[in-house]
Amino acid sequence: MITIFTYNETSRMEIMRTLHKMSNGRTSMLFQNNELNIFCTHDEEHKMSDTFLNWHQYRKNEILQIQTKEFFTDI
């Protein structure tokens, strides 16, 4: 799993161009072989993006679940 955080769409596109160069134009293999997420932390109105907020909430919930005793009962 690869997760990249970037500020806005312009910086996301720059990351994509860099990944394209680093993989000799084979970014499709990067996407096929990895769970790749690129999150823009701000939208055009300089507010937190919904996608980033949803991801953040999911991770917070995941951490809370792991910290509970019930998580370890089946292990």
PDB file of N, CA and C in Angstrom:
ATOM      1  N   MET A   1       0.855  -1.164   0.000  1.00  0.00           N
ATOM      2  CA  MET A   1       0.000   0.000   0.000  1.00  0.00           C
ATOM      3  C   MET A   1       0.906   1.233   0.000  1.00  0.00           C
ATOM      4  N   ILE A   2       0.625   2.120  -0.917  1.00  0.00           N
ATOM      5  CA  ILE A   2       1.365   3.378  -1.015  1.00  0.00           C
ATOM      6  C   ILE A   2       0.369   4.510  -0.888  1.00  0.00           C
ATOM      7  N   THR A   3       0.603   5.399   0.061  1.00  0.00           N
ATOM      8  CA  THR A   3      -0.261   6.556   0.242  1.00  0.00           C
ATOM      9  C   THR A   3       0.591   7.808   0.162  1.00  0.00           C
ATOM     10  N   ILE A   4       0.193   8.711  -0.725  1.00  0.00           N
ATOM     11  CA  ILE A   4       0.909   9.966  -0.923  1.00  0.00           C
ATOM     12  C   ILE A   4      -0.050  11.102  -0.626  1.00  0.00           C
ATOM     13  N   PHE A   5       0.411  12.054   0.157  1.00  0.00           N
ATOM     14  CA  PHE A   5      -0.376  13.243   0.454  1.00  0.00           C
ATOM     15  C   PHE A   5       0.237  14.419  -0.284  1.00  0.00           C
ATOM     16  N   THR A   6      -0.613  15.190  -0.901  1.00  0.00           N
ATOM     17  CA  THR A   6      -0.153  16.363  -1.616  1.00  0.00           C
ATOM     18  C   THR A   6      -1.133  17.502  -1.374  1.00  0.00           C
ATOM     19  N   TYR A   7      -0.705  18.685  -1.647  1.00  0.00           N
ATOM     20  CA  TYR A   7      -1.522  19.844  -1.308  1.00  0.00           C
ATOM     21  C   TYR A   7      -2.739  20.010  -2.215  1.00  0.00           C
ATOM     22  N   ASN A   8      -2.518  20.023  -3.528  1.00  0.00           N
ATOM     23  CA  ASN A   8      -3.621  20.312  -4.447  1.00  0.00           C
ATOM     24  C   ASN A   8      -3.452  19.526  -5.747  1.00  0.00           C
ATOM     25  N   GLU A   9      -4.333  19.762  -6.684  1.00  0.00           N
ATOM     26  CA  GLU A   9      -4.326  19.035  -7.953  1.00  0.00           C
ATOM     27  C   GLU A   9      -3.041  19.292  -8.735  1.00  0.00           C
ATOM     28  N   THR A  10      -2.531  20.501  -8.691  1.00  0.00           N
ATOM     29  CA  THR A  10      -1.291  20.831  -9.405  1.00  0.00           C
ATOM     30  C   THR A  10      -0.135  19.987  -8.877  1.00  0.00           C
ATOM     31  N   SER A  11      -0.015  19.891  -7.567  1.00  0.00           N
ATOM     32  CA  SER A  11       1.071  19.088  -6.994  1.00  0.00           C
ATOM     33  C   SER A  11       0.827  17.593  -7.217  1.00  0.00           C
ATOM     34  N   ARG A  12      -0.433  17.171  -7.251  1.00  0.00           N
ATOM     35  CA  ARG A  12      -0.738  15.763  -7.554  1.00  0.00           C
ATOM     36  C   ARG A  12      -0.268  15.402  -8.957  1.00  0.00           C
ATOM     37  N   MET A  13      -0.514  16.286  -9.899  1.00  0.00           N
ATOM     38  CA  MET A  13      -0.081  16.037 -11.281  1.00  0.00           C
ATOM     39  C   MET A  13       1.446  16.015 -11.386  1.00  0.00           C
ATOM     40  N   GLU A  14       2.120  16.845 -10.618  1.00  0.00           N
ATOM     41  CA  GLU A  14       3.578  16.839 -10.619  1.00  0.00           C
ATOM     42  C   GLU A  14       4.117  15.518 -10.060  1.00  0.00           C
ATOM     43  N   ILE A  15       3.479  15.006  -9.035  1.00  0.00           N
ATOM     44  CA  ILE A  15       3.865  13.698  -8.496  1.00  0.00           C
ATOM     45  C   ILE A  15       3.646  12.616  -9.537  1.00  0.00           C
ATOM     46  N   MET A  16       2.520  12.664 -10.231  1.00  0.00           N
ATOM     47  CA  MET A  16       2.251  11.674 -11.274  1.00  0.00           C
ATOM     48  C   MET A  16       3.302  11.743 -12.383  1.00  0.00           C
ATOM     49  N   ARG A  17       3.696  12.955 -12.787  1.00  0.00           N
ATOM     50  CA  ARG A  17       4.746  13.098 -13.808  1.00  0.00           C
ATOM     51  C   ARG A  17       6.069  12.504 -13.306  1.00  0.00           C
ATOM     52  N   THR A  18       6.379  12.746 -12.039  1.00  0.00           N
ATOM     53  CA  THR A  18       7.613  12.211 -11.463  1.00  0.00           C
ATOM     54  C   THR A  18       7.569  10.687 -11.408  1.00  0.00           C
ATOM     55  N   LEU A  19       6.449  10.124 -10.979  1.00  0.00           N
ATOM     56  CA  LEU A  19       6.300   8.665 -10.964  1.00  0.00           C
ATOM     57  C   LEU A  19       6.427   8.089 -12.368  1.00  0.00           C
ATOM     58  N   HIS A  20       5.873   8.772 -13.343  1.00  0.00           N
ATOM     59  CA  HIS A  20       5.955   8.346 -14.741  1.00  0.00           C
ATOM     60  C   HIS A  20       7.420   8.287 -15.185  1.00  0.00           C
ATOM     61  N   LYS A  21       8.182   9.313 -14.842  1.00  0.00           N
ATOM     62  CA  LYS A  21       9.606   9.341 -15.207  1.00  0.00           C
ATOM     63  C   LYS A  21      10.379   8.250 -14.474  1.00  0.00           C
ATOM     64  N   MET A  22      10.099   8.094 -13.187  1.00  0.00           N
ATOM     65  CA  MET A  22      10.824   7.103 -12.383  1.00  0.00           C
ATOM     66  C   MET A  22      10.563   5.675 -12.837  1.00  0.00           C
ATOM     67  N   SER A  23       9.405   5.435 -13.398  1.00  0.00           N
ATOM     68  CA  SER A  23       9.057   4.072 -13.824  1.00  0.00           C
ATOM     69  C   SER A  23       9.249   3.879 -15.325  1.00  0.00           C
ATOM     70  N   ASN A  24       9.963   4.794 -15.957  1.00  0.00           N
ATOM     71  CA  ASN A  24      10.199   4.713 -17.410  1.00  0.00           C
ATOM     72  C   ASN A  24       8.903   4.591 -18.193  1.00  0.00           C
ATOM     73  N   GLY A  25       7.893   5.347 -17.762  1.00  0.00           N
ATOM     74  CA  GLY A  25       6.620   5.378 -18.475  1.00  0.00           C
ATOM     75  C   GLY A  25       5.705   4.203 -18.172  1.00  0.00           C
ATOM     76  N   ARG A  26       6.023   3.403 -17.157  1.00  0.00           N
ATOM     77  CA  ARG A  26       5.219   2.218 -16.862  1.00  0.00           C
ATOM     78  C   ARG A  26       4.441   2.395 -15.553  1.00  0.00           C
ATOM     79  N   THR A  27       3.777   3.511 -15.410  1.00  0.00           N
ATOM     80  CA  THR A  27       3.005   3.748 -14.188  1.00  0.00           C
ATOM     81  C   THR A  27       1.847   2.768 -14.055  1.00  0.00           C
ATOM     82  N   SER A  28       1.390   2.213 -15.149  1.00  0.00           N
ATOM     83  CA  SER A  28       0.295   1.242 -15.056  1.00  0.00           C
ATOM     84  C   SER A  28       0.710   0.046 -14.195  1.00  0.00           C
ATOM     85  N   MET A  29       1.969  -0.362 -14.285  1.00  0.00           N
ATOM     86  CA  MET A  29       2.453  -1.472 -13.447  1.00  0.00           C
ATOM     87  C   MET A  29       2.469  -1.070 -11.977  1.00  0.00           C
ATOM     88  N   LEU A  30       2.791   0.183 -11.707  1.00  0.00           N
ATOM     89  CA  LEU A  30       2.773   0.673 -10.336  1.00  0.00           C
ATOM     90  C   LEU A  30       1.370   0.563  -9.757  1.00  0.00           C
ATOM     91  N   PHE A  31       0.370   0.945 -10.539  1.00  0.00           N
ATOM     92  CA  PHE A  31      -1.020   0.870 -10.087  1.00  0.00           C
ATOM     93  C   PHE A  31      -1.512  -0.571 -10.003  1.00  0.00           C
ATOM     94  N   GLN A  32      -1.057  -1.427 -10.900  1.00  0.00           N
ATOM     95  CA  GLN A  32      -1.491  -2.820 -10.892  1.00  0.00           C
ATOM     96  C   GLN A  32      -0.920  -3.602  -9.712  1.00  0.00           C
ATOM     97  N   ASN A  33       0.302  -3.289  -9.319  1.00  0.00           N
ATOM     98  CA  ASN A  33       0.998  -4.066  -8.308  1.00  0.00           C
ATOM     99  C   ASN A  33       0.919  -3.484  -6.903  1.00  0.00           C
ATOM    100  N   ASN A  34       0.272  -2.340  -6.758  1.00  0.00           N
ATOM    101  CA  ASN A  34       0.186  -1.679  -5.462  1.00  0.00           C
ATOM    102  C   ASN A  34      -1.185  -1.050  -5.288  1.00  0.00           C
ATOM    103  N   GLU A  35      -1.555  -0.887  -4.044  1.00  0.00           N
ATOM    104  CA  GLU A  35      -2.735  -0.076  -3.755  1.00  0.00           C
ATOM    105  C   GLU A  35      -2.204   1.337  -3.556  1.00  0.00           C
ATOM    106  N   LEU A  36      -2.352   2.157  -4.575  1.00  0.00           N
ATOM    107  CA  LEU A  36      -1.782   3.499  -4.582  1.00  0.00           C
ATOM    108  C   LEU A  36      -2.877   4.529  -4.369  1.00  0.00           C
ATOM    109  N   ASN A  37      -2.698   5.347  -3.332  1.00  0.00           N
ATOM    110  CA  ASN A  37      -3.633   6.429  -3.040  1.00  0.00           C
ATOM    111  C   ASN A  37      -2.867   7.746  -3.061  1.00  0.00           C
ATOM    112  N   ILE A  38      -3.397   8.712  -3.785  1.00  0.00           N
ATOM    113  CA  ILE A  38      -2.828  10.053  -3.768  1.00  0.00           C
ATOM    114  C   ILE A  38      -3.936  10.986  -3.311  1.00  0.00           C
ATOM    115  N   PHE A  39      -3.726  11.599  -2.159  1.00  0.00           N
ATOM    116  CA  PHE A  39      -4.734  12.467  -1.571  1.00  0.00           C
ATOM    117  C   PHE A  39      -4.306  13.921  -1.648  1.00  0.00           C
ATOM    118  N   CYS A  40      -5.192  14.737  -2.160  1.00  0.00           N
ATOM    119  CA  CYS A  40      -5.015  16.181  -2.080  1.00  0.00           C
ATOM    120  C   CYS A  40      -5.632  16.606  -0.758  1.00  0.00           C
ATOM    121  N   THR A  41      -4.840  17.274   0.080  1.00  0.00           N
ATOM    122  CA  THR A  41      -5.338  17.641   1.394  1.00  0.00           C
ATOM    123  C   THR A  41      -6.208  18.887   1.369  1.00  0.00           C
ATOM    124  N   HIS A  42      -6.145  19.649   0.310  1.00  0.00           N
ATOM    125  CA  HIS A  42      -6.970  20.846   0.178  1.00  0.00           C
ATOM    126  C   HIS A  42      -7.634  20.869  -1.194  1.00  0.00           C
ATOM    127  N   ASP A  43      -8.824  21.408  -1.237  1.00  0.00           N
ATOM    128  CA  ASP A  43      -9.476  21.577  -2.523  1.00  0.00           C
ATOM    129  C   ASP A  43      -9.225  22.998  -3.018  1.00  0.00           C
ATOM    130  N   GLU A  44      -9.868  23.360  -4.106  1.00  0.00           N
ATOM    131  CA  GLU A  44      -9.640  24.659  -4.730  1.00  0.00           C
ATOM    132  C   GLU A  44     -10.029  25.830  -3.822  1.00  0.00           C
ATOM    133  N   GLU A  45     -10.899  25.581  -2.879  1.00  0.00           N
ATOM    134  CA  GLU A  45     -11.353  26.646  -1.983  1.00  0.00           C
ATOM    135  C   GLU A  45     -10.548  26.665  -0.688  1.00  0.00           C
ATOM    136  N   HIS A  46      -9.435  25.944  -0.669  1.00  0.00           N
ATOM    137  CA  HIS A  46      -8.543  25.885   0.487  1.00  0.00           C
ATOM    138  C   HIS A  46      -9.212  25.324   1.731  1.00  0.00           C
ATOM    139  N   LYS A  47     -10.078  24.359   1.526  1.00  0.00           N
ATOM    140  CA  LYS A  47     -10.701  23.629   2.625  1.00  0.00           C
ATOM    141  C   LYS A  47     -10.212  22.195   2.552  1.00  0.00           C
ATOM    142  N   MET A  48     -10.304  21.509   3.642  1.00  0.00           N
ATOM    143  CA  MET A  48      -9.901  20.107   3.631  1.00  0.00           C
ATOM    144  C   MET A  48     -10.785  19.345   2.645  1.00  0.00           C
ATOM    145  N   SER A  49     -10.182  18.544   1.805  1.00  0.00           N
ATOM    146  CA  SER A  49     -10.958  17.804   0.825  1.00  0.00           C
ATOM    147  C   SER A  49     -11.751  16.686   1.504  1.00  0.00           C
ATOM    148  N   ASP A  50     -12.910  16.384   0.966  1.00  0.00           N
ATOM    149  CA  ASP A  50     -13.755  15.316   1.503  1.00  0.00           C
ATOM    150  C   ASP A  50     -13.054  13.972   1.448  1.00  0.00           C
ATOM    151  N   THR A  51     -12.321  13.717   0.379  1.00  0.00           N
ATOM    152  CA  THR A  51     -11.621  12.443   0.234  1.00  0.00           C
ATOM    153  C   THR A  51     -10.592  12.268   1.334  1.00  0.00           C
ATOM    154  N   PHE A  52      -9.836  13.322   1.606  1.00  0.00           N
ATOM    155  CA  PHE A  52      -8.835  13.256   2.660  1.00  0.00           C
ATOM    156  C   PHE A  52      -9.497  13.099   4.022  1.00  0.00           C
ATOM    157  N   LEU A  53     -10.559  13.843   4.276  1.00  0.00           N
ATOM    158  CA  LEU A  53     -11.252  13.738   5.557  1.00  0.00           C
ATOM    159  C   LEU A  53     -11.812  12.341   5.771  1.00  0.00           C
ATOM    160  N   ASN A  54     -12.379  11.748   4.729  1.00  0.00           N
ATOM    161  CA  ASN A  54     -12.911  10.386   4.833  1.00  0.00           C
ATOM    162  C   ASN A  54     -11.803   9.389   5.125  1.00  0.00           C
ATOM    163  N   TRP A  55     -10.673   9.520   4.445  1.00  0.00           N
ATOM    164  CA  TRP A  55      -9.536   8.635   4.680  1.00  0.00           C
ATOM    165  C   TRP A  55      -9.051   8.784   6.123  1.00  0.00           C
ATOM    166  N   HIS A  56      -8.921  10.009   6.572  1.00  0.00           N
ATOM    167  CA  HIS A  56      -8.438  10.276   7.921  1.00  0.00           C
ATOM    168  C   HIS A  56      -9.381   9.665   8.962  1.00  0.00           C
ATOM    169  N   GLN A  57     -10.678   9.832   8.783  1.00  0.00           N
ATOM    170  CA  GLN A  57     -11.647   9.261   9.724  1.00  0.00           C
ATOM    171  C   GLN A  57     -11.580   7.736   9.725  1.00  0.00           C
ATOM    172  N   TYR A  58     -11.430   7.135   8.564  1.00  0.00           N
ATOM    173  CA  TYR A  58     -11.315   5.679   8.467  1.00  0.00           C
ATOM    174  C   TYR A  58     -10.103   5.184   9.241  1.00  0.00           C
ATOM    175  N   ARG A  59      -8.980   5.865   9.093  1.00  0.00           N
ATOM    176  CA  ARG A  59      -7.752   5.477   9.796  1.00  0.00           C
ATOM    177  C   ARG A  59      -7.905   5.659  11.307  1.00  0.00           C
ATOM    178  N   LYS A  60      -8.540   6.740  11.732  1.00  0.00           N
ATOM    179  CA  LYS A  60      -8.774   6.946  13.158  1.00  0.00           C
ATOM    180  C   LYS A  60      -9.620   5.817  13.734  1.00  0.00           C
ATOM    181  N   ASN A  61     -10.663   5.439  13.022  1.00  0.00           N
ATOM    182  CA  ASN A  61     -11.524   4.341  13.463  1.00  0.00           C
ATOM    183  C   ASN A  61     -10.765   3.017  13.505  1.00  0.00           C
ATOM    184  N   GLU A  62      -9.911   2.815  12.525  1.00  0.00           N
ATOM    185  CA  GLU A  62      -9.110   1.601  12.473  1.00  0.00           C
ATOM    186  C   GLU A  62      -8.168   1.521  13.683  1.00  0.00           C
ATOM    187  N   ILE A  63      -7.554   2.623  14.033  1.00  0.00           N
ATOM    188  CA  ILE A  63      -6.664   2.668  15.192  1.00  0.00           C
ATOM    189  C   ILE A  63      -7.443   2.391  16.479  1.00  0.00           C
ATOM    190  N   LEU A  64      -8.615   2.993  16.610  1.00  0.00           N
ATOM    191  CA  LEU A  64      -9.440   2.748  17.793  1.00  0.00           C
ATOM    192  C   LEU A  64      -9.832   1.289  17.912  1.00  0.00           C
ATOM    193  N   GLN A  65     -10.151   0.679  16.788  1.00  0.00           N
ATOM    194  CA  GLN A  65     -10.530  -0.738  16.795  1.00  0.00           C
ATOM    195  C   GLN A  65      -9.364  -1.607  17.233  1.00  0.00           C
ATOM    196  N   ILE A  66      -8.185  -1.317  16.754  1.00  0.00           N
ATOM    197  CA  ILE A  66      -7.003  -2.093  17.116  1.00  0.00           C
ATOM    198  C   ILE A  66      -6.680  -1.932  18.598  1.00  0.00           C
ATOM    199  N   GLN A  67      -6.981  -0.793  19.156  1.00  0.00           N
ATOM    200  CA  GLN A  67      -6.668  -0.533  20.552  1.00  0.00           C
ATOM    201  C   GLN A  67      -7.648  -1.184  21.526  1.00  0.00           C
ATOM    202  N   THR A  68      -8.706  -1.743  21.012  1.00  0.00           N
ATOM    203  CA  THR A  68      -9.675  -2.400  21.898  1.00  0.00           C
ATOM    204  C   THR A  68      -9.294  -3.865  22.122  1.00  0.00           C
ATOM    205  N   LYS A  69      -9.683  -4.394  23.234  1.00  0.00           N
ATOM    206  CA  LYS A  69      -9.372  -5.782  23.575  1.00  0.00           C
ATOM    207  C   LYS A  69     -10.063  -6.761  22.621  1.00  0.00           C
ATOM    208  N   GLU A  70     -11.237  -6.397  22.134  1.00  0.00           N
ATOM    209  CA  GLU A  70     -11.993  -7.310  21.275  1.00  0.00           C
ATOM    210  C   GLU A  70     -11.221  -7.641  19.998  1.00  0.00           C
ATOM    211  N   PHE A  71     -10.408  -6.733  19.550  1.00  0.00           N
ATOM    212  CA  PHE A  71      -9.643  -6.962  18.330  1.00  0.00           C
ATOM    213  C   PHE A  71      -8.729  -8.176  18.470  1.00  0.00           C
ATOM    214  N   PHE A  72      -8.189  -8.389  19.655  1.00  0.00           N
ATOM    215  CA  PHE A  72      -7.186  -9.425  19.858  1.00  0.00           C
ATOM    216  C   PHE A  72      -7.765 -10.771  20.287  1.00  0.00           C
ATOM    217  N   THR A  73      -9.074 -10.848  20.500  1.00  0.00           N
ATOM    218  CA  THR A  73      -9.647 -12.112  20.991  1.00  0.00           C
ATOM    219  C   THR A  73      -9.553 -13.246  19.988  1.00  0.00           C
ATOM    220  N   ASP A  74      -9.610 -12.950  18.696  1.00  0.00           N
ATOM    221  CA  ASP A  74      -9.568 -13.999  17.665  1.00  0.00           C
ATOM    222  C   ASP A  74      -8.165 -14.278  17.161  1.00  0.00           C
ATOM    223  N   ILE A  75      -7.190 -13.630  17.716  1.00  0.00           N
ATOM    224  CA  ILE A  75      -5.814 -13.805  17.220  1.00  0.00           C
ATOM    225  C   ILE A  75      -5.110 -14.860  18.029  1.00  0.00           C
TER     226      ILE A  75
END
